[in-house]
């Protein structure tokens, strides 16, 4: 799958049934071989404003399914925000 095919897909956490963001509005960590290792999703609250500049880091292995409109992830409790906070359980 090409990166352009991922762009615009909604990221949904299967455990929380919660929308986390849209690919294209996220950053990717890519290793030296060109493989995506982590999705970096800005934590956004109402009206698209960033909350304290924090972000959620989702390792690629937590992606369970990539569909035509969305990416389903299994976001485990304890995966941290960039600023050191943890998701509530």
N, C-alpha and C. Protein backbone atom coordinates (compact mmCIF):
# COMPACT_ATOMS: atom_id res chain seq x y z
N UNK A 1 0.84 -1.17 0.00
CA UNK A 1 0.00 0.00 0.00
C UNK A 1 0.89 1.24 0.00
N UNK A 2 0.51 2.21 -0.76
CA UNK A 2 1.26 3.47 -0.85
C UNK A 2 0.76 4.46 0.20
N UNK A 3 1.67 5.36 0.59
CA UNK A 3 1.33 6.39 1.57
C UNK A 3 0.16 7.24 1.09
N UNK A 4 0.10 7.53 -0.19
CA UNK A 4 -1.00 8.33 -0.74
C UNK A 4 -2.35 7.64 -0.57
N UNK A 5 -2.36 6.31 -0.52
CA UNK A 5 -3.60 5.57 -0.31
C UNK A 5 -4.07 5.66 1.15
N UNK A 6 -3.16 5.91 2.06
CA UNK A 6 -3.52 6.05 3.48
C UNK A 6 -4.07 7.43 3.81
N UNK A 7 -3.65 8.43 3.07
CA UNK A 7 -4.03 9.81 3.35
C UNK A 7 -5.54 9.99 3.32
N UNK A 8 -6.06 10.68 4.32
CA UNK A 8 -7.49 10.98 4.39
C UNK A 8 -8.31 9.94 5.14
N UNK A 9 -7.71 8.82 5.51
CA UNK A 9 -8.44 7.79 6.26
C UNK A 9 -8.54 8.19 7.72
N UNK A 10 -9.69 7.94 8.30
CA UNK A 10 -9.92 8.24 9.70
C UNK A 10 -9.28 7.17 10.58
N UNK A 11 -8.69 7.57 11.70
CA UNK A 11 -8.06 6.64 12.63
C UNK A 11 -9.04 6.41 13.78
N UNK A 12 -9.42 5.15 14.00
CA UNK A 12 -10.40 4.81 15.02
C UNK A 12 -9.82 3.77 15.97
N UNK A 13 -9.98 4.02 17.27
CA UNK A 13 -9.53 3.09 18.31
C UNK A 13 -10.67 2.10 18.58
N UNK A 14 -10.42 0.81 18.33
CA UNK A 14 -11.44 -0.22 18.48
C UNK A 14 -11.87 -0.40 19.94
N UNK A 15 -10.96 -0.20 20.89
CA UNK A 15 -11.29 -0.40 22.30
C UNK A 15 -12.18 0.70 22.85
N UNK A 16 -11.94 1.92 22.46
CA UNK A 16 -12.70 3.05 22.96
C UNK A 16 -13.83 3.47 22.03
N UNK A 17 -13.86 2.90 20.83
CA UNK A 17 -14.81 3.33 19.79
C UNK A 17 -14.73 4.84 19.64
N UNK A 18 -13.49 5.32 19.45
CA UNK A 18 -13.22 6.75 19.46
C UNK A 18 -12.39 7.13 18.25
N UNK A 19 -12.73 8.27 17.64
CA UNK A 19 -11.96 8.80 16.53
C UNK A 19 -10.75 9.53 17.09
N UNK A 20 -9.56 9.22 16.56
CA UNK A 20 -8.34 9.84 17.05
C UNK A 20 -7.78 10.88 16.11
N UNK A 21 -8.14 10.82 14.85
CA UNK A 21 -7.62 11.77 13.89
C UNK A 21 -7.77 11.26 12.47
N UNK A 22 -7.16 11.98 11.55
CA UNK A 22 -7.21 11.62 10.14
C UNK A 22 -5.78 11.54 9.62
N UNK A 23 -5.47 10.47 8.92
CA UNK A 23 -4.14 10.35 8.32
C UNK A 23 -3.99 11.47 7.30
N UNK A 24 -2.89 12.12 7.36
CA UNK A 24 -2.66 13.32 6.56
C UNK A 24 -2.57 14.51 7.50
N UNK A 25 -3.23 14.39 8.66
CA UNK A 25 -3.12 15.39 9.72
C UNK A 25 -2.24 14.84 10.84
N UNK A 26 -1.63 13.70 10.56
CA UNK A 26 -0.75 13.05 11.53
C UNK A 26 0.67 13.02 10.97
N UNK A 27 1.62 12.73 11.82
CA UNK A 27 2.99 12.53 11.39
C UNK A 27 3.30 11.04 11.44
N UNK A 28 4.30 10.65 10.71
CA UNK A 28 4.73 9.25 10.70
C UNK A 28 6.20 9.20 11.08
N UNK A 29 6.57 8.18 11.85
CA UNK A 29 7.98 7.89 12.07
C UNK A 29 8.33 6.76 11.11
N UNK A 30 9.40 6.97 10.38
CA UNK A 30 9.82 5.99 9.37
C UNK A 30 11.25 5.59 9.67
N UNK A 31 11.51 4.27 9.66
CA UNK A 31 12.87 3.81 9.95
C UNK A 31 13.77 3.94 8.72
N UNK A 32 15.02 3.54 8.87
CA UNK A 32 16.00 3.71 7.80
C UNK A 32 15.70 2.85 6.57
N UNK A 33 14.83 1.83 6.71
CA UNK A 33 14.47 1.01 5.56
C UNK A 33 13.24 1.53 4.83
N UNK A 34 12.63 2.61 5.37
CA UNK A 34 11.44 3.19 4.74
C UNK A 34 10.13 2.65 5.28
N UNK A 35 10.19 1.81 6.32
CA UNK A 35 8.98 1.24 6.92
C UNK A 35 8.41 2.21 7.96
N UNK A 36 7.10 2.34 7.98
CA UNK A 36 6.44 3.17 8.99
C UNK A 36 6.50 2.42 10.32
N UNK A 37 6.98 3.09 11.36
CA UNK A 37 7.07 2.46 12.68
C UNK A 37 6.04 2.99 13.66
N UNK A 38 5.65 4.26 13.53
CA UNK A 38 4.75 4.89 14.49
C UNK A 38 3.89 5.94 13.82
N UNK A 39 2.59 5.98 14.20
CA UNK A 39 1.73 7.09 13.84
C UNK A 39 1.78 8.08 15.00
N UNK A 40 1.95 9.36 14.71
CA UNK A 40 1.97 10.39 15.74
C UNK A 40 0.76 11.28 15.49
N UNK A 41 -0.21 11.19 16.40
CA UNK A 41 -1.50 11.85 16.23
C UNK A 41 -1.60 13.02 17.21
N UNK A 42 -1.79 14.25 16.71
CA UNK A 42 -1.96 15.37 17.64
C UNK A 42 -3.23 15.18 18.46
N UNK A 43 -3.18 15.49 19.77
CA UNK A 43 -4.37 15.47 20.60
C UNK A 43 -5.14 16.75 20.34
N UNK A 44 -6.33 16.59 19.80
CA UNK A 44 -7.12 17.75 19.40
C UNK A 44 -8.40 17.79 20.22
N UNK A 45 -8.78 18.99 20.64
CA UNK A 45 -10.08 19.13 21.28
C UNK A 45 -10.96 19.99 20.40
N UNK A 46 -12.03 20.51 20.90
CA UNK A 46 -13.03 21.23 20.11
C UNK A 46 -12.42 22.29 19.23
N UNK A 47 -13.02 22.48 18.08
CA UNK A 47 -12.68 23.50 17.10
C UNK A 47 -11.27 23.33 16.53
N UNK A 48 -10.70 22.12 16.65
CA UNK A 48 -9.41 21.84 16.07
C UNK A 48 -8.23 22.45 16.79
N UNK A 49 -8.43 22.92 18.01
CA UNK A 49 -7.34 23.52 18.76
C UNK A 49 -6.53 22.45 19.46
N UNK A 50 -5.22 22.58 19.42
CA UNK A 50 -4.36 21.61 20.09
C UNK A 50 -4.43 21.78 21.59
N UNK A 51 -4.40 20.67 22.30
CA UNK A 51 -4.42 20.68 23.75
C UNK A 51 -3.00 20.51 24.26
N UNK A 52 -2.40 21.57 24.74
CA UNK A 52 -1.06 21.55 25.34
C UNK A 52 0.00 20.96 24.42
N UNK A 53 -0.23 20.95 23.14
CA UNK A 53 0.78 20.44 22.20
C UNK A 53 1.09 18.96 22.36
N UNK A 54 0.22 18.20 23.03
CA UNK A 54 0.50 16.79 23.24
C UNK A 54 0.11 15.98 22.00
N UNK A 55 0.65 14.80 21.91
CA UNK A 55 0.34 13.92 20.80
C UNK A 55 0.33 12.47 21.28
N UNK A 56 -0.41 11.64 20.56
CA UNK A 56 -0.52 10.22 20.87
C UNK A 56 0.39 9.47 19.90
N UNK A 57 1.20 8.57 20.41
CA UNK A 57 2.12 7.79 19.59
C UNK A 57 1.60 6.34 19.52
N UNK A 58 1.27 5.89 18.32
CA UNK A 58 0.72 4.56 18.12
C UNK A 58 1.70 3.74 17.28
N UNK A 59 2.33 2.72 17.86
CA UNK A 59 3.23 1.85 17.08
C UNK A 59 2.46 1.14 15.96
N UNK A 60 3.12 0.95 14.83
CA UNK A 60 2.50 0.36 13.65
C UNK A 60 1.87 -1.00 13.96
N UNK A 61 2.47 -1.77 14.85
CA UNK A 61 1.93 -3.11 15.15
C UNK A 61 0.57 -3.07 15.85
N UNK A 62 0.11 -1.90 16.29
CA UNK A 62 -1.20 -1.76 16.91
C UNK A 62 -2.30 -1.50 15.88
N UNK A 63 -1.92 -1.36 14.62
CA UNK A 63 -2.91 -1.21 13.56
C UNK A 63 -3.47 -2.60 13.25
N UNK A 64 -4.80 -2.72 13.36
CA UNK A 64 -5.44 -4.03 13.16
C UNK A 64 -6.03 -4.19 11.77
N UNK A 65 -6.53 -3.09 11.17
CA UNK A 65 -7.18 -3.21 9.87
C UNK A 65 -7.15 -1.86 9.17
N UNK A 66 -6.84 -1.88 7.88
CA UNK A 66 -6.91 -0.68 7.06
C UNK A 66 -8.00 -0.90 6.04
N UNK A 67 -9.08 -0.13 6.16
CA UNK A 67 -10.22 -0.27 5.25
C UNK A 67 -10.23 0.84 4.22
N UNK A 68 -11.33 0.95 3.49
CA UNK A 68 -11.43 1.96 2.45
C UNK A 68 -11.56 3.37 3.03
N UNK A 69 -12.16 3.51 4.22
CA UNK A 69 -12.39 4.82 4.80
C UNK A 69 -11.66 5.06 6.11
N UNK A 70 -11.24 3.99 6.78
CA UNK A 70 -10.64 4.18 8.09
C UNK A 70 -9.56 3.17 8.40
N UNK A 71 -8.77 3.52 9.42
CA UNK A 71 -7.73 2.66 9.96
C UNK A 71 -8.15 2.31 11.37
N UNK A 72 -8.30 1.02 11.66
CA UNK A 72 -8.71 0.55 12.98
C UNK A 72 -7.45 0.19 13.76
N UNK A 73 -7.32 0.79 14.95
CA UNK A 73 -6.17 0.48 15.79
C UNK A 73 -6.65 -0.11 17.10
N UNK A 74 -5.79 -0.90 17.72
CA UNK A 74 -6.03 -1.46 19.04
C UNK A 74 -5.11 -0.69 19.97
N UNK A 75 -5.60 0.45 20.45
CA UNK A 75 -4.80 1.37 21.25
C UNK A 75 -4.80 0.90 22.70
N UNK A 76 -3.67 0.37 23.13
CA UNK A 76 -3.56 -0.20 24.47
C UNK A 76 -3.39 0.89 25.52
N UNK A 77 -4.03 0.70 26.66
CA UNK A 77 -3.85 1.62 27.77
C UNK A 77 -2.37 1.68 28.13
N UNK A 78 -1.87 2.87 28.41
CA UNK A 78 -0.48 3.01 28.78
C UNK A 78 0.39 3.52 27.66
N UNK A 79 -0.10 3.46 26.39
CA UNK A 79 0.67 4.11 25.33
C UNK A 79 0.64 5.59 25.64
N UNK A 80 1.77 6.21 25.62
CA UNK A 80 1.85 7.56 26.18
C UNK A 80 1.70 8.65 25.15
N UNK A 81 1.34 9.80 25.67
CA UNK A 81 1.36 11.04 24.92
C UNK A 81 2.81 11.51 24.88
N UNK A 82 3.14 12.33 23.94
CA UNK A 82 4.50 12.85 23.80
C UNK A 82 4.96 13.59 25.04
N UNK A 83 4.04 14.27 25.73
CA UNK A 83 4.44 15.06 26.88
C UNK A 83 4.47 14.26 28.17
N UNK A 84 4.34 12.92 28.08
CA UNK A 84 4.48 12.06 29.25
C UNK A 84 3.17 11.66 29.90
N UNK A 85 2.04 12.21 29.45
CA UNK A 85 0.75 11.80 30.02
C UNK A 85 0.39 10.43 29.47
N UNK A 86 -0.49 9.75 30.18
CA UNK A 86 -0.98 8.46 29.70
C UNK A 86 -2.47 8.56 29.47
N UNK A 87 -2.97 7.73 28.55
CA UNK A 87 -4.40 7.68 28.30
C UNK A 87 -5.08 7.09 29.53
N UNK A 88 -6.26 7.58 29.86
CA UNK A 88 -7.05 7.04 30.96
C UNK A 88 -7.64 5.72 30.54
N UNK A 89 -7.89 4.81 31.47
CA UNK A 89 -8.42 3.50 31.15
C UNK A 89 -9.81 3.36 31.41
